[in-house]
C-alpha atoms as a PDB file:
ATOM      1  CA  MET A   1      -4.960 -21.916   1.883  1.00  0.00           C
ATOM      2  CA  ALA A   2      -7.551 -20.803  -0.656  1.00  0.00           C
ATOM      3  CA  ILE A   3     -10.839 -19.080   0.020  1.00  0.00           C
ATOM      4  CA  ILE A   4     -13.850 -20.964  -1.323  1.00  0.00           C
ATOM      5  CA  SER A   5     -16.995 -19.031  -2.327  1.00  0.00           C
ATOM      6  CA  ARG A   6     -19.641 -21.770  -2.430  1.00  0.00           C
ATOM      7  CA  PRO A   7     -22.635 -22.317  -0.129  1.00  0.00           C
ATOM      8  CA  ASP A   8     -21.844 -26.040  -0.005  1.00  0.00           C
ATOM      9  CA  SER A   9     -18.567 -25.146   1.751  1.00  0.00           C
ATOM     10  CA  PHE A  10     -20.423 -24.151   4.948  1.00  0.00           C
ATOM     11  CA  ASN A  11     -19.187 -27.124   6.927  1.00  0.00           C
ATOM     12  CA  HIS A  12     -17.461 -25.490   9.882  1.00  0.00           C
ATOM     13  CA  ALA A  13     -18.632 -25.260  13.478  1.00  0.00           C
ATOM     14  CA  ASP A  14     -17.886 -21.522  13.580  1.00  0.00           C
ATOM     15  CA  ASN A  15     -19.663 -19.342  11.024  1.00  0.00           C
ATOM     16  CA  VAL A  16     -19.617 -15.548  10.976  1.00  0.00           C
ATOM     17  CA  ALA A  17     -22.400 -13.456   9.431  1.00  0.00           C
ATOM     18  CA  VAL A  18     -21.925  -9.681   9.194  1.00  0.00           C
ATOM     19  CA  ARG A  19     -24.370  -6.835   8.586  1.00  0.00           C
ATOM     20  CA  GLY A  20     -22.735  -3.432   8.652  1.00  0.00           C
ATOM     21  CA  THR A  21     -20.824  -3.197  11.944  1.00  0.00           C
ATOM     22  CA  ASP A  22     -22.877  -5.935  13.602  1.00  0.00           C
ATOM     23  CA  LEU A  23     -22.551  -9.688  13.765  1.00  0.00           C
ATOM     24  CA  VAL A  24     -25.653 -11.768  13.151  1.00  0.00           C
ATOM     25  CA  LEU A  25     -25.786 -14.426  15.848  1.00  0.00           C
ATOM     26  CA  ALA A  26     -28.077 -17.296  16.699  1.00  0.00           C
ATOM     27  CA  GLN A  27     -30.724 -16.606  19.324  1.00  0.00           C
ATOM     28  CA  ASN A  28     -28.401 -17.993  22.013  1.00  0.00           C
ATOM     29  CA  GLU A  29     -25.839 -15.343  20.943  1.00  0.00           C
ATOM     30  CA  LYS A  30     -23.521 -17.970  19.489  1.00  0.00           C
ATOM     31  CA  LEU A  31     -21.903 -17.970  16.063  1.00  0.00           C
ATOM     32  CA  LEU A  32     -24.045 -19.526  13.362  1.00  0.00           C
ATOM     33  CA  SER A  33     -24.357 -23.172  12.377  1.00  0.00           C
ATOM     34  CA  PRO A  34     -23.916 -24.386   8.773  1.00  0.00           C
ATOM     35  CA  SER A  35     -27.707 -24.711   8.464  1.00  0.00           C
ATOM     36  CA  ASP A  36     -28.122 -21.088   9.642  1.00  0.00           C
ATOM     37  CA  MET A  37     -25.722 -19.916   6.932  1.00  0.00           C
ATOM     38  CA  LYS A  38     -27.446 -21.915   4.198  1.00  0.00           C
ATOM     39  CA  PHE A  39     -30.826 -20.558   5.318  1.00  0.00           C
ATOM     40  CA  LEU A  40     -29.632 -16.942   4.962  1.00  0.00           C
ATOM     41  CA  VAL A  41     -28.213 -17.615   1.484  1.00  0.00           C
ATOM     42  CA  GLU A  42     -31.309 -19.487   0.296  1.00  0.00           C
ATOM     43  CA  LYS A  43     -33.535 -16.605   1.481  1.00  0.00           C
ATOM     44  CA  ASN A  44     -31.500 -14.265  -0.759  1.00  0.00           C
ATOM     45  CA  LEU A  45     -30.352 -12.186   2.217  1.00  0.00           C
ATOM     46  CA  ALA A  46     -26.619 -12.324   1.458  1.00  0.00           C
ATOM     47  CA  ASP A  47     -24.367 -10.334  -0.886  1.00  0.00           C
ATOM     48  CA  ASP A  48     -21.267 -12.509  -0.520  1.00  0.00           C
ATOM     49  CA  TRP A  49     -19.940 -15.549   1.339  1.00  0.00           C
ATOM     50  CA  TYR A  50     -16.836 -17.688   1.578  1.00  0.00           C
ATOM     51  CA  SER A  51     -15.137 -20.411   3.613  1.00  0.00           C
ATOM     52  CA  GLU A  52     -11.526 -20.529   4.768  1.00  0.00           C
ATOM     53  CA  ASP A  53     -10.555 -24.055   5.783  1.00  0.00           C
ATOM     54  CA  LEU A  54      -7.141 -23.019   7.097  1.00  0.00           C
ATOM     55  CA  TYR A  55      -8.805 -21.163   9.985  1.00  0.00           C
ATOM     56  CA  GLY A  56     -11.885 -23.375  10.230  1.00  0.00           C
ATOM     57  CA  TYR A  57     -14.703 -20.896   9.640  1.00  0.00           C
ATOM     58  CA  SER A  58     -17.134 -19.591   7.035  1.00  0.00           C
ATOM     59  CA  ALA A  59     -18.248 -15.982   6.569  1.00  0.00           C
ATOM     60  CA  LEU A  60     -21.266 -14.304   5.050  1.00  0.00           C
ATOM     61  CA  LEU A  61     -22.066 -10.661   4.255  1.00  0.00           C
ATOM     62  CA  LEU A  62     -25.735  -9.753   4.627  1.00  0.00           C
ATOM     63  CA  LYS A  63     -27.417  -7.052   2.615  1.00  0.00           C
ATOM     64  CA  GLU A  64     -27.465  -3.884   4.719  1.00  0.00           C
ATOM     65  CA  ASP A  65     -31.155  -3.076   4.209  1.00  0.00           C
ATOM     66  CA  ILE A  66     -32.608  -6.482   5.140  1.00  0.00           C
ATOM     67  CA  GLN A  67     -34.550  -7.295   8.285  1.00  0.00           C
ATOM     68  CA  ILE A  68     -32.946  -9.923  10.477  1.00  0.00           C
ATOM     69  CA  PRO A  69     -35.110 -13.074  10.353  1.00  0.00           C
ATOM     70  CA  GLU A  70     -36.748 -14.466  13.456  1.00  0.00           C
ATOM     71  CA  GLY A  71     -34.395 -16.717  15.370  1.00  0.00           C
ATOM     72  CA  PHE A  72     -31.356 -14.461  14.880  1.00  0.00           C
ATOM     73  CA  THR A  73     -30.023 -11.481  16.821  1.00  0.00           C
ATOM     74  CA  LEU A  74     -27.623  -8.590  16.178  1.00  0.00           C
ATOM     75  CA  CYS A  75     -24.484  -7.983  18.245  1.00  0.00           C
ATOM     76  CA  PRO A  76     -22.122  -5.006  17.768  1.00  0.00           C
ATOM     77  CA  ILE A  77     -18.765  -6.392  16.690  1.00  0.00           C
ATOM     78  CA  ARG A  78     -16.926  -4.298  19.307  1.00  0.00           C
ATOM     79  CA  ARG A  79     -18.976  -5.917  22.084  1.00  0.00           C
ATOM     80  CA  PHE A  80     -18.434  -9.387  20.625  1.00  0.00           C
ATOM     81  CA  PHE A  81     -14.653  -8.828  20.687  1.00  0.00           C
ATOM     82  CA  TRP A  82     -14.761  -8.023  24.388  1.00  0.00           C
ATOM     83  CA  GLU A  83     -17.110 -10.827  25.408  1.00  0.00           C
ATOM     84  CA  ASN A  84     -15.713 -13.580  23.141  1.00  0.00           C
ATOM     85  CA  GLU A  85     -11.950 -13.165  22.987  1.00  0.00           C
ATOM     86  CA  GLU A  86     -11.385 -16.746  21.845  1.00  0.00           C
ATOM     87  CA  LYS A  87     -13.510 -16.098  18.726  1.00  0.00           C
ATOM     88  CA  SER A  88     -12.398 -12.521  18.080  1.00  0.00           C
ATOM     89  CA  PHE A  89      -9.762 -13.528  15.515  1.00  0.00           C
ATOM     90  CA  ILE A  90     -12.180 -15.124  13.056  1.00  0.00           C
ATOM     91  CA  ALA A  91     -14.790 -12.400  13.629  1.00  0.00           C
ATOM     92  CA  ALA A  92     -12.248  -9.656  12.900  1.00  0.00           C
ATOM     93  CA  ARG A  93     -10.841 -11.523   9.909  1.00  0.00           C
ATOM     94  CA  ALA A  94     -14.283 -12.191   8.447  1.00  0.00           C
ATOM     95  CA  LYS A  95     -15.402  -8.573   8.892  1.00  0.00           C
ATOM     96  CA  SER A  96     -12.269  -7.233   7.205  1.00  0.00           C
ATOM     97  CA  LEU A  97     -12.154  -9.725   4.327  1.00  0.00           C
ATOM     98  CA  LEU A  98     -15.848  -9.313   3.547  1.00  0.00           C
ATOM     99  CA  ALA A  99     -15.444  -5.527   3.430  1.00  0.00           C
ATOM    100  CA  GLN A 100     -12.470  -5.797   1.097  1.00  0.00           C
ATOM    101  CA  ARG A 101     -14.171  -8.342  -1.166  1.00  0.00           C
ATOM    102  CA  LYS A 102     -17.089  -5.930  -1.488  1.00  0.00           C
ATOM    103  CA  MET A 103     -14.785  -3.021  -2.321  1.00  0.00           C
ATOM    104  CA  TYR A 104     -12.401  -4.824  -4.675  1.00  0.00           C
ATOM    105  CA  ARG A 105     -14.488  -6.845  -7.099  1.00  0.00           C
ATOM    106  CA  PHE A 106     -12.727  -5.843 -10.318  1.00  0.00           C
ATOM    107  CA  CYS A 107      -9.094  -5.611 -11.368  1.00  0.00           C
ATOM    108  CA  PRO A 108      -7.883  -1.980 -11.119  1.00  0.00           C
ATOM    109  CA  THR A 109      -5.691  -2.475 -14.207  1.00  0.00           C
ATOM    110  CA  CYS A 110      -7.912  -4.221 -16.766  1.00  0.00           C
ATOM    111  CA  GLY A 111     -11.366  -4.088 -15.157  1.00  0.00           C
ATOM    112  CA  LYS A 112     -11.967  -7.846 -15.324  1.00  0.00           C
ATOM    113  CA  LYS A 113     -13.921  -9.437 -12.469  1.00  0.00           C
ATOM    114  CA  LEU A 114     -11.628 -10.855  -9.802  1.00  0.00           C
ATOM    115  CA  GLU A 115     -11.810 -14.515  -8.826  1.00  0.00           C
ATOM    116  CA  ASP A 116     -10.884 -16.476  -5.716  1.00  0.00           C
ATOM    117  CA  ASP A 117      -7.274 -17.593  -5.927  1.00  0.00           C
ATOM    118  CA  LYS A 118      -6.994 -21.380  -6.013  1.00  0.00           C
ATOM    119  CA  THR A 119      -4.106 -21.694  -3.538  1.00  0.00           C
ATOM    120  CA  GLU A 120      -3.998 -18.605  -1.273  1.00  0.00           C
ATOM    121  CA  SER A 121      -6.334 -16.275   0.613  1.00  0.00           C
ATOM    122  CA  ALA A 122      -6.321 -13.725  -2.177  1.00  0.00           C
ATOM    123  CA  LEU A 123      -8.272 -12.491  -5.179  1.00  0.00           C
ATOM    124  CA  TYR A 124      -6.894 -13.198  -8.640  1.00  0.00           C
ATOM    125  CA  CYS A 125      -7.192 -11.439 -11.998  1.00  0.00           C
ATOM    126  CA  PRO A 126      -7.270 -14.108 -14.740  1.00  0.00           C
ATOM    127  CA  GLU A 127      -6.334 -11.500 -17.360  1.00  0.00           C
ATOM    128  CA  CYS A 128      -3.361  -9.803 -15.667  1.00  0.00           C
ATOM    129  CA  ARG A 129      -2.444 -12.892 -13.629  1.00  0.00           C
ATOM    130  CA  ILE A 130      -1.985 -10.755 -10.524  1.00  0.00           C
ATOM    131  CA  LYS A 131      -2.976 -11.701  -6.980  1.00  0.00           C
ATOM    132  CA  PHE A 132      -4.557  -9.139  -4.668  1.00  0.00           C
ATOM    133  CA  PHE A 133      -3.907 -10.020  -1.040  1.00  0.00           C
ATOM    134  CA  PRO A 134      -5.940  -8.628   1.860  1.00  0.00           C
ATOM    135  CA  ARG A 135      -4.599  -5.252   2.931  1.00  0.00           C
ATOM    136  CA  ILE A 136      -3.838  -4.202   6.494  1.00  0.00           C
ATOM    137  CA  GLU A 137      -3.471  -0.535   7.425  1.00  0.00           C
ATOM    138  CA  PRO A 138      -1.255  -0.093  10.517  1.00  0.00           C
ATOM    139  CA  ALA A 139      -2.070   2.781  12.855  1.00  0.00           C
ATOM    140  CA  THR A 140      -0.528   3.875  16.140  1.00  0.00           C
ATOM    141  CA  ILE A 141      -2.587   4.893  19.161  1.00  0.00           C
ATOM    142  CA  THR A 142      -0.840   6.504  22.114  1.00  0.00           C
ATOM    143  CA  LEU A 143      -1.742   7.296  25.718  1.00  0.00           C
ATOM    144  CA  ILE A 144       0.317  10.302  26.868  1.00  0.00           C
ATOM    145  CA  SER A 145       0.990  10.771  30.579  1.00  0.00           C
ATOM    146  CA  ARG A 146       2.228  13.749  32.582  1.00  0.00           C
ATOM    147  CA  GLY A 147       2.762  12.748  36.183  1.00  0.00           C
ATOM    148  CA  ASP A 148      -0.595  11.483  37.457  1.00  0.00           C
ATOM    149  CA  GLU A 149      -2.441  12.956  34.454  1.00  0.00           C
ATOM    150  CA  ILE A 150      -3.257  11.484  31.051  1.00  0.00           C
ATOM    151  CA  LEU A 151      -4.182  13.309  27.859  1.00  0.00           C
ATOM    152  CA  LEU A 152      -7.515  12.409  26.249  1.00  0.00           C
ATOM    153  CA  ALA A 153      -8.983  13.938  23.108  1.00  0.00           C
ATOM    154  CA  ARG A 154     -12.278  13.952  21.224  1.00  0.00           C
ATOM    155  CA  GLY A 155     -12.248  13.743  17.449  1.00  0.00           C
ATOM    156  CA  LYS A 156     -14.202  16.105  15.232  1.00  0.00           C
ATOM    157  CA  ARG A 157     -15.073  13.641  12.462  1.00  0.00           C
ATOM    158  CA  GLY A 158     -17.446  10.688  12.383  1.00  0.00           C
ATOM    159  CA  THR A 159     -19.957   9.499  14.945  1.00  0.00           C
ATOM    160  CA  TYR A 160     -17.494   8.087  17.482  1.00  0.00           C
ATOM    161  CA  ARG A 161     -16.809  11.289  19.419  1.00  0.00           C
ATOM    162  CA  LYS A 162     -15.676  10.018  22.826  1.00  0.00           C
ATOM    163  CA  PHE A 163     -12.553  10.929  24.796  1.00  0.00           C
ATOM    164  CA  ALA A 164      -9.773   8.653  23.596  1.00  0.00           C
ATOM    165  CA  CYS A 165      -6.056   8.573  22.792  1.00  0.00           C
ATOM    166  CA  ILE A 166      -4.069  10.181  19.992  1.00  0.00           C
ATOM    167  CA  SER A 167      -3.985   7.961  16.926  1.00  0.00           C
ATOM    168  CA  GLY A 168      -3.130   8.020  13.240  1.00  0.00           C
ATOM    169  CA  PHE A 169      -2.026   5.904  10.302  1.00  0.00           C
ATOM    170  CA  VAL A 170       1.605   4.973   9.743  1.00  0.00           C
ATOM    171  CA  GLU A 171       2.995   6.743   6.684  1.00  0.00           C
ATOM    172  CA  GLN A 172       5.404   5.321   4.121  1.00  0.00           C
ATOM    173  CA  GLY A 173       9.020   5.611   5.165  1.00  0.00           C
ATOM    174  CA  GLU A 174       8.510   6.088   8.900  1.00  0.00           C
ATOM    175  CA  ASN A 175       8.865   3.637  11.748  1.00  0.00           C
ATOM    176  CA  LEU A 176       6.293   3.267  14.511  1.00  0.00           C
ATOM    177  CA  GLU A 177       8.025   5.550  16.993  1.00  0.00           C
ATOM    178  CA  GLU A 178       8.307   8.261  14.356  1.00  0.00           C
ATOM    179  CA  CYS A 179       4.598   7.877  13.644  1.00  0.00           C
ATOM    180  CA  VAL A 180       3.809   8.322  17.339  1.00  0.00           C
ATOM    181  CA  ARG A 181       5.889  11.501  17.559  1.00  0.00           C
ATOM    182  CA  ARG A 182       4.466  12.943  14.333  1.00  0.00           C
ATOM    183  CA  GLU A 183       0.817  12.255  15.153  1.00  0.00           C
ATOM    184  CA  VAL A 184       1.152  13.653  18.672  1.00  0.00           C
ATOM    185  CA  LYS A 185       2.919  16.762  17.394  1.00  0.00           C
ATOM    186  CA  GLU A 186       0.432  17.324  14.553  1.00  0.00           C
ATOM    187  CA  GLU A 187      -2.690  16.887  16.682  1.00  0.00           C
ATOM    188  CA  THR A 188      -1.627  18.397  20.020  1.00  0.00           C
ATOM    189  CA  ASN A 189       1.613  20.375  19.453  1.00  0.00           C
ATOM    190  CA  LEU A 190       3.274  18.311  22.209  1.00  0.00           C
ATOM    191  CA  GLU A 191       6.603  16.497  22.330  1.00  0.00           C
ATOM    192  CA  VAL A 192       6.820  13.022  23.883  1.00  0.00           C
ATOM    193  CA  LYS A 193       9.536  10.733  25.209  1.00  0.00           C
ATOM    194  CA  ASN A 194       9.918   7.180  26.568  1.00  0.00           C
ATOM    195  CA  ILE A 195       7.667   5.696  23.894  1.00  0.00           C
ATOM    196  CA  ARG A 196       6.749   2.149  24.869  1.00  0.00           C
ATOM    197  CA  TYR A 197       4.920  -0.511  22.854  1.00  0.00           C
ATOM    198  CA  MET A 198       2.059  -2.101  24.822  1.00  0.00           C
ATOM    199  CA  GLY A 199       0.250  -4.441  22.422  1.00  0.00           C
ATOM    200  CA  SER A 200      -1.956  -4.527  19.355  1.00  0.00           C
ATOM    201  CA  THR A 201      -5.594  -5.018  18.418  1.00  0.00           C
ATOM    202  CA  ALA A 202      -7.105  -6.015  15.087  1.00  0.00           C
ATOM    203  CA  TRP A 203      -9.657  -3.335  14.250  1.00  0.00           C
ATOM    204  CA  PRO A 204     -11.525  -4.287  11.074  1.00  0.00           C
ATOM    205  CA  PHE A 205     -13.304  -0.973  10.439  1.00  0.00           C
ATOM    206  CA  PRO A 206     -12.439  -1.802   7.754  1.00  0.00           C
ATOM    207  CA  ASP A 207      -8.833  -3.085   7.850  1.00  0.00           C
ATOM    208  CA  GLN A 208      -6.763  -1.522  10.619  1.00  0.00           C
ATOM    209  CA  LEU A 209      -4.187  -2.990  12.962  1.00  0.00           C
ATOM    210  CA  MET A 210      -3.975  -0.733  16.008  1.00  0.00           C
ATOM    211  CA  LEU A 211      -0.476  -0.639  17.540  1.00  0.00           C
ATOM    212  CA  GLU A 212      -0.773   0.538  21.132  1.00  0.00           C
ATOM    213  CA  PHE A 213       1.822   2.753  22.834  1.00  0.00           C
ATOM    214  CA  THR A 214       2.331   4.808  25.944  1.00  0.00           C
ATOM    215  CA  ALA A 215       4.522   7.913  26.037  1.00  0.00           C
ATOM    216  CA  GLU A 216       5.472  10.606  28.510  1.00  0.00           C
ATOM    217  CA  TYR A 217       5.023  14.340  28.044  1.00  0.00           C
ATOM    218  CA  ALA A 218       8.360  15.954  27.127  1.00  0.00           C
ATOM    219  CA  GLY A 219       7.377  19.548  26.396  1.00  0.00           C
ATOM    220  CA  GLY A 220       5.231  21.949  24.464  1.00  0.00           C
ATOM    221  CA  GLU A 221       1.993  23.849  24.994  1.00  0.00           C
ATOM    222  CA  LEU A 222      -1.222  21.986  24.247  1.00  0.00           C
ATOM    223  CA  LYS A 223      -2.738  23.291  21.016  1.00  0.00           C
ATOM    224  CA  ILE A 224      -5.120  21.054  19.112  1.00  0.00           C
ATOM    225  CA  GLN A 225      -5.264  20.505  15.360  1.00  0.00           C
ATOM    226  CA  GLU A 226      -8.707  22.022  14.921  1.00  0.00           C
ATOM    227  CA  ASP A 227      -9.651  20.228  11.728  1.00  0.00           C
ATOM    228  CA  GLU A 228      -9.054  16.865  13.469  1.00  0.00           C
ATOM    229  CA  LEU A 229      -9.931  17.364  17.148  1.00  0.00           C
ATOM    230  CA  GLU A 230     -12.856  18.908  18.980  1.00  0.00           C
ATOM    231  CA  GLU A 231     -10.873  19.193  22.203  1.00  0.00           C
ATOM    232  CA  ALA A 232      -8.007  17.670  24.200  1.00  0.00           C
ATOM    233  CA  ARG A 233      -7.620  17.838  27.974  1.00  0.00           C
ATOM    234  CA  TRP A 234      -5.439  16.522  30.766  1.00  0.00           C
ATOM    235  CA  PHE A 235      -7.296  14.322  33.252  1.00  0.00           C
ATOM    236  CA  LYS A 236      -6.127  12.964  36.570  1.00  0.00           C
ATOM    237  CA  ARG A 237      -6.356   9.173  36.517  1.00  0.00           C
ATOM    238  CA  ASP A 238      -8.893   9.164  39.344  1.00  0.00           C
ATOM    239  CA  GLN A 239     -10.986  11.935  37.751  1.00  0.00           C
ATOM    240  CA  LEU A 240     -11.732  10.605  34.269  1.00  0.00           C
ATOM    241  CA  PRO A 241     -14.881  11.477  32.295  1.00  0.00           C
ATOM    242  CA  ASP A 242     -17.986   9.354  32.802  1.00  0.00           C
ATOM    243  CA  MET A 243     -17.837   5.899  31.221  1.00  0.00           C
ATOM    244  CA  ASP A 244     -20.345   6.860  28.529  1.00  0.00           C
ATOM    245  CA  GLN A 245     -17.812   9.453  27.327  1.00  0.00           C
ATOM    246  CA  LEU A 246     -14.919   6.961  27.202  1.00  0.00           C
ATOM    247  CA  PRO A 247     -13.998   4.260  24.664  1.00  0.00           C
ATOM    248  CA  GLN A 248     -15.861   0.983  24.635  1.00  0.00           C
ATOM    249  CA  ALA A 249     -14.406  -2.142  26.199  1.00  0.00           C
ATOM    250  CA  GLY A 250     -12.379  -4.136  23.695  1.00  0.00           C
ATOM    251  CA  SER A 251     -10.937  -1.119  21.886  1.00  0.00           C
ATOM    252  CA  SER A 252      -7.267  -0.151  21.878  1.00  0.00           C
ATOM    253  CA  ALA A 253      -8.026   3.132  23.666  1.00  0.00           C
ATOM    254  CA  PHE A 254      -9.847   1.224  26.428  1.00  0.00           C
ATOM    255  CA  ASN A 255      -6.874  -1.153  26.745  1.00  0.00           C
ATOM    256  CA  LEU A 256      -4.474   1.767  27.169  1.00  0.00           C
ATOM    257  CA  ILE A 257      -6.593   3.738  29.627  1.00  0.00           C
ATOM    258  CA  PHE A 258      -7.698   0.834  31.809  1.00  0.00           C
ATOM    259  CA  GLY A 259      -5.176  -1.916  31.030  1.00  0.00           C
ATOM    260  CA  ARG A 260      -5.539  -5.136  29.101  1.00  0.00           C
ATOM    261  CA  ARG A 261      -7.396  -8.023  30.662  1.00  0.00           C
ATOM    262  CA  GLU A 262      -5.419 -11.049  31.802  1.00  0.00           C
ATOM    263  CA  LYS A 263      -5.846 -13.990  29.429  1.00  0.00           C
END
């Protein structure tokens, strides 16, 4: 089903507005109404917008430097995922597609401006006649156990520097279990066994699919990859770091450490 980029297509009950890593919600912390979306566009606060009838929602990307108008509120997308599981699919999809539409506006071959495809959720180059579908980058994230201990690590890069699990992107030519083994070996020098798939979480920062695993320690001396990790330590399950040092609810690392919620 095609994506439609017109303000007059805001006719769905669920409408997602994004600014940076936050959702813009109505004052009652609900997703926006069609009139809310039209108001934001008419006030020249948006960079991009679209509707996707197949999934029954519209999405809007706000300019990052604008002040949120009175009557609206900001909600971190991670918190929204945890508190609104039934709406997390469209929120994650909107966040990812808006980010990709912002990044890929022109054909990488001929430089012509891309258009909405008329039949599918893709961008289309009218010159090359090529469709560009939304990309998804799969990554594994693994909780390693050793008896009653689990291994948690803090990354060196970025602002999210909490104790979490070992993760990394899947490389061409390898399967998921091979990715788990490689990432664990590269980042911690450890070997693992009994790799078990536990679930997955869409993580649109900007376009990841986190594939969650557990594994058991099989050997090796802990030695971190210093250009990737700040530290890695074994923790007993009843002696974990304080909650403000652990992943946020709704993340894959939180799911692995504390278990997924029953739906």
